[in-house]
Amino acid sequence: MTFTLALDIAAPPRSVFDFVADFTTIPRWYSAVSRVERLDGNGALGTRYRVHRHLPGGPATNEVEITELSDGDAITFTSTSGPTPFRYRYQVRATGTGTHLTLEGSISGQGLTGPAALLAPFAEGFFHRGMRDNLGALARILEH
């Protein structure tokens, strides 16, 4: 499944980019993520993380790498292992009142097993609603 979501955030573009580009902040705003560990790197291209998530079928762990970085403009996180392969590309653009954030991504349930695999055909709607809620939480954090 591929998707594009966007929202305006009443915060400076640099603040939005720096927060989103720091993958260790994701447990603060992404409801399924419980913990992120930096495996190596300093936040530059090639930095790797281990992300621990709670999915409907139980816990899941993915390793994630920064695969694209245009400092201040765009960053892409790509899973390199785990049950739900994904790619998330965040792009920020200045607006007259703050920042326009666009998230383009793809995610697959190809590695899911058991009850979670049975739910996969219905996951797209749940995912879109959940991701919109997550981005709303991100905006609330950045706007305060």
C-alpha atoms as a PDB file:
ATOM      1  CA  MET A   1       0.000   0.000   0.000  1.00  0.00           C
ATOM      2  CA  THR A   2       1.264   3.455  -0.871  1.00  0.00           C
ATOM      3  CA  PHE A   3      -0.046   6.670   0.618  1.00  0.00           C
ATOM      4  CA  THR A   4       0.461  10.416   0.817  1.00  0.00           C
ATOM      5  CA  LEU A   5      -0.640  12.479   3.795  1.00  0.00           C
ATOM      6  CA  ALA A   6      -0.064  16.180   4.370  1.00  0.00           C
ATOM      7  CA  LEU A   7      -0.772  18.774   7.009  1.00  0.00           C
ATOM      8  CA  ASP A   8       0.121  22.314   7.951  1.00  0.00           C
ATOM      9  CA  ILE A   9       1.934  22.869  11.223  1.00  0.00           C
ATOM     10  CA  ALA A  10       2.181  26.253  12.935  1.00  0.00           C
ATOM     11  CA  ALA A  11       5.907  25.900  13.623  1.00  0.00           C
ATOM     12  CA  PRO A  12       9.086  26.910  11.763  1.00  0.00           C
ATOM     13  CA  PRO A  13      10.209  24.506   9.016  1.00  0.00           C
ATOM     14  CA  ARG A  14      13.611  23.937  10.647  1.00  0.00           C
ATOM     15  CA  SER A  15      11.971  22.885  13.929  1.00  0.00           C
ATOM     16  CA  VAL A  16       9.616  20.514  12.121  1.00  0.00           C
ATOM     17  CA  PHE A  17      12.410  18.992  10.053  1.00  0.00           C
ATOM     18  CA  ASP A  18      14.782  18.551  12.990  1.00  0.00           C
ATOM     19  CA  PHE A  19      12.085  16.844  15.067  1.00  0.00           C
ATOM     20  CA  VAL A  20      10.939  14.487  12.300  1.00  0.00           C
ATOM     21  CA  ALA A  21      14.523  13.726  11.219  1.00  0.00           C
ATOM     22  CA  ASP A  22      15.385  12.587  14.756  1.00  0.00           C
ATOM     23  CA  PHE A  23      13.878   9.105  14.555  1.00  0.00           C
ATOM     24  CA  THR A  24      14.288   8.675  18.322  1.00  0.00           C
ATOM     25  CA  THR A  25      11.384  11.143  18.837  1.00  0.00           C
ATOM     26  CA  ILE A  26       8.899   8.858  17.095  1.00  0.00           C
ATOM     27  CA  PRO A  27       7.631   7.100  20.271  1.00  0.00           C
ATOM     28  CA  ARG A  28       6.358  10.510  21.435  1.00  0.00           C
ATOM     29  CA  TRP A  29       3.896  10.849  18.549  1.00  0.00           C
ATOM     30  CA  TYR A  30       3.535   7.520  16.689  1.00  0.00           C
ATOM     31  CA  SER A  31       1.121   5.444  18.758  1.00  0.00           C
ATOM     32  CA  ALA A  32       2.312   1.983  17.649  1.00  0.00           C
ATOM     33  CA  VAL A  33       5.977   2.689  18.456  1.00  0.00           C
ATOM     34  CA  SER A  34       7.075   1.877  21.979  1.00  0.00           C
ATOM     35  CA  ARG A  35      10.851   2.327  21.699  1.00  0.00           C
ATOM     36  CA  VAL A  36      13.606   3.283  19.251  1.00  0.00           C
ATOM     37  CA  GLU A  37      17.291   2.487  19.636  1.00  0.00           C
ATOM     38  CA  ARG A  38      20.018   4.069  17.504  1.00  0.00           C
ATOM     39  CA  LEU A  39      22.237   1.234  16.257  1.00  0.00           C
ATOM     40  CA  ASP A  40      24.885   3.380  14.582  1.00  0.00           C
ATOM     41  CA  GLY A  41      25.394   6.761  12.976  1.00  0.00           C
ATOM     42  CA  ASN A  42      24.720  10.315  14.081  1.00  0.00           C
ATOM     43  CA  GLY A  43      21.497  11.111  12.232  1.00  0.00           C
ATOM     44  CA  ALA A  44      23.206  11.439   8.855  1.00  0.00           C
ATOM     45  CA  LEU A  45      22.617   9.343   5.748  1.00  0.00           C
ATOM     46  CA  GLY A  46      23.031   5.654   6.605  1.00  0.00           C
ATOM     47  CA  THR A  47      22.163   6.005  10.303  1.00  0.00           C
ATOM     48  CA  ARG A  48      20.404   2.848  11.495  1.00  0.00           C
ATOM     49  CA  TYR A  49      17.768   2.307  14.172  1.00  0.00           C
ATOM     50  CA  ARG A  50      15.847  -0.552  15.728  1.00  0.00           C
ATOM     51  CA  VAL A  51      12.163   0.290  16.216  1.00  0.00           C
ATOM     52  CA  HIS A  52       9.882  -1.686  18.532  1.00  0.00           C
ATOM     53  CA  ARG A  53       6.164  -1.526  17.747  1.00  0.00           C
ATOM     54  CA  HIS A  54       2.895  -2.924  19.044  1.00  0.00           C
ATOM     55  CA  LEU A  55       0.770  -4.198  16.152  1.00  0.00           C
ATOM     56  CA  PRO A  56      -2.669  -5.866  16.278  1.00  0.00           C
ATOM     57  CA  GLY A  57      -0.962  -9.268  16.000  1.00  0.00           C
ATOM     58  CA  GLY A  58       1.595  -8.555  18.731  1.00  0.00           C
ATOM     59  CA  PRO A  59       5.015  -6.966  19.045  1.00  0.00           C
ATOM     60  CA  ALA A  60       7.145  -6.305  15.962  1.00  0.00           C
ATOM     61  CA  THR A  61      10.698  -5.092  15.491  1.00  0.00           C
ATOM     62  CA  ASN A  62      12.125  -3.481  12.380  1.00  0.00           C
ATOM     63  CA  GLU A  63      15.569  -2.184  11.589  1.00  0.00           C
ATOM     64  CA  VAL A  64      15.379   1.177   9.820  1.00  0.00           C
ATOM     65  CA  GLU A  65      17.934   3.232   7.918  1.00  0.00           C
ATOM     66  CA  ILE A  66      18.061   6.833   6.716  1.00  0.00           C
ATOM     67  CA  THR A  67      18.213   6.281   2.952  1.00  0.00           C
ATOM     68  CA  GLU A  68      17.711   9.869   1.754  1.00  0.00           C
ATOM     69  CA  LEU A  69      18.606  13.134   3.414  1.00  0.00           C
ATOM     70  CA  SER A  70      18.313  16.650   2.057  1.00  0.00           C
ATOM     71  CA  ASP A  71      19.036  18.630   5.205  1.00  0.00           C
ATOM     72  CA  GLY A  72      16.149  20.861   6.130  1.00  0.00           C
ATOM     73  CA  ASP A  73      13.978  19.652   3.251  1.00  0.00           C
ATOM     74  CA  ALA A  74      13.441  15.889   3.099  1.00  0.00           C
ATOM     75  CA  ILE A  75      14.361  12.664   4.844  1.00  0.00           C
ATOM     76  CA  THR A  76      13.489   9.049   4.074  1.00  0.00           C
ATOM     77  CA  PHE A  77      13.415   6.179   6.555  1.00  0.00           C
ATOM     78  CA  THR A  78      13.431   2.693   5.026  1.00  0.00           C
ATOM     79  CA  SER A  79      13.046  -0.551   6.935  1.00  0.00           C
ATOM     80  CA  THR A  80      15.810  -3.032   6.190  1.00  0.00           C
ATOM     81  CA  SER A  81      14.367  -5.931   8.191  1.00  0.00           C
ATOM     82  CA  GLY A  82      11.216  -6.860  10.053  1.00  0.00           C
ATOM     83  CA  PRO A  83       7.696  -8.125   9.412  1.00  0.00           C
ATOM     84  CA  THR A  84       6.188  -4.979   7.894  1.00  0.00           C
ATOM     85  CA  PRO A  85       8.512  -3.449   5.282  1.00  0.00           C
ATOM     86  CA  PHE A  86       8.022   0.300   4.948  1.00  0.00           C
ATOM     87  CA  ARG A  87       9.434   3.468   3.471  1.00  0.00           C
ATOM     88  CA  TYR A  88       8.468   6.887   4.869  1.00  0.00           C
ATOM     89  CA  ARG A  89       9.593  10.084   3.146  1.00  0.00           C
ATOM     90  CA  TYR A  90       8.955  13.327   5.015  1.00  0.00           C
ATOM     91  CA  GLN A  91       9.233  16.627   3.163  1.00  0.00           C
ATOM     92  CA  VAL A  92       8.909  20.096   4.712  1.00  0.00           C
ATOM     93  CA  ARG A  93       8.097  23.331   2.955  1.00  0.00           C
ATOM     94  CA  ALA A  94       7.740  26.809   4.418  1.00  0.00           C
ATOM     95  CA  THR A  95       4.320  28.442   4.303  1.00  0.00           C
ATOM     96  CA  GLY A  96       3.275  31.926   5.298  1.00  0.00           C
ATOM     97  CA  THR A  97       2.237  30.675   8.731  1.00  0.00           C
ATOM     98  CA  GLY A  98       4.617  27.784   9.381  1.00  0.00           C
ATOM     99  CA  THR A  99       5.316  24.499   7.665  1.00  0.00           C
ATOM    100  CA  HIS A 100       3.608  22.195   5.208  1.00  0.00           C
ATOM    101  CA  LEU A 101       4.638  18.600   6.012  1.00  0.00           C
ATOM    102  CA  THR A 102       4.099  15.853   3.447  1.00  0.00           C
ATOM    103  CA  LEU A 103       4.537  12.172   4.229  1.00  0.00           C
ATOM    104  CA  GLU A 104       4.805   9.836   1.247  1.00  0.00           C
ATOM    105  CA  GLY A 105       5.151   6.203   2.085  1.00  0.00           C
ATOM    106  CA  SER A 106       4.653   2.587   1.417  1.00  0.00           C
ATOM    107  CA  ILE A 107       4.059  -0.233   3.853  1.00  0.00           C
ATOM    108  CA  SER A 108       3.472  -3.942   3.457  1.00  0.00           C
ATOM    109  CA  GLY A 109       2.144  -6.639   5.728  1.00  0.00           C
ATOM    110  CA  GLN A 110       4.001  -9.352   3.817  1.00  0.00           C
ATOM    111  CA  GLY A 111       5.853 -10.575   6.910  1.00  0.00           C
ATOM    112  CA  LEU A 112       2.809 -10.805   9.171  1.00  0.00           C
ATOM    113  CA  THR A 113       1.683 -14.204  10.425  1.00  0.00           C
ATOM    114  CA  GLY A 114      -1.180 -15.596  12.485  1.00  0.00           C
ATOM    115  CA  PRO A 115      -4.157 -13.370  13.342  1.00  0.00           C
ATOM    116  CA  ALA A 116      -2.375 -10.249  12.088  1.00  0.00           C
ATOM    117  CA  ALA A 117      -2.104 -11.756   8.598  1.00  0.00           C
ATOM    118  CA  LEU A 118      -5.861 -12.358   8.580  1.00  0.00           C
ATOM    119  CA  LEU A 119      -6.451  -8.659   9.318  1.00  0.00           C
ATOM    120  CA  ALA A 120      -4.129  -7.446   6.527  1.00  0.00           C
ATOM    121  CA  PRO A 121      -6.909  -6.946   3.923  1.00  0.00           C
ATOM    122  CA  PHE A 122      -8.637  -4.507   6.308  1.00  0.00           C
ATOM    123  CA  ALA A 123      -5.471  -2.786   7.472  1.00  0.00           C
ATOM    124  CA  GLU A 124      -5.376   0.046   4.926  1.00  0.00           C
ATOM    125  CA  GLY A 125      -8.322   1.954   6.371  1.00  0.00           C
ATOM    126  CA  PHE A 126      -7.097   1.487   9.937  1.00  0.00           C
ATOM    127  CA  PHE A 127      -3.603   2.527   8.912  1.00  0.00           C
ATOM    128  CA  HIS A 128      -4.745   5.764   7.223  1.00  0.00           C
ATOM    129  CA  ARG A 129      -6.835   6.771  10.234  1.00  0.00           C
ATOM    130  CA  GLY A 130      -4.033   5.881  12.630  1.00  0.00           C
ATOM    131  CA  MET A 131      -1.408   7.728  10.630  1.00  0.00           C
ATOM    132  CA  ARG A 132      -3.582  10.855  10.450  1.00  0.00           C
ATOM    133  CA  ASP A 133      -3.959  10.663  14.246  1.00  0.00           C
ATOM    134  CA  ASN A 134      -0.185  10.232  14.617  1.00  0.00           C
ATOM    135  CA  LEU A 135       0.531  13.266  12.432  1.00  0.00           C
ATOM    136  CA  GLY A 136      -2.009  15.231  14.465  1.00  0.00           C
ATOM    137  CA  ALA A 137      -0.104  14.301  17.638  1.00  0.00           C
ATOM    138  CA  LEU A 138       3.134  15.398  15.951  1.00  0.00           C
ATOM    139  CA  ALA A 139       1.587  18.782  15.067  1.00  0.00           C
ATOM    140  CA  ARG A 140       0.333  19.290  18.639  1.00  0.00           C
ATOM    141  CA  ILE A 141       3.824  18.653  20.040  1.00  0.00           C
ATOM    142  CA  LEU A 142       5.480  21.030  17.582  1.00  0.00           C
ATOM    143  CA  GLU A 143       2.899  23.791  17.968  1.00  0.00           C
ATOM    144  CA  HIS A 144       3.377  24.077  21.736  1.00  0.00           C
END
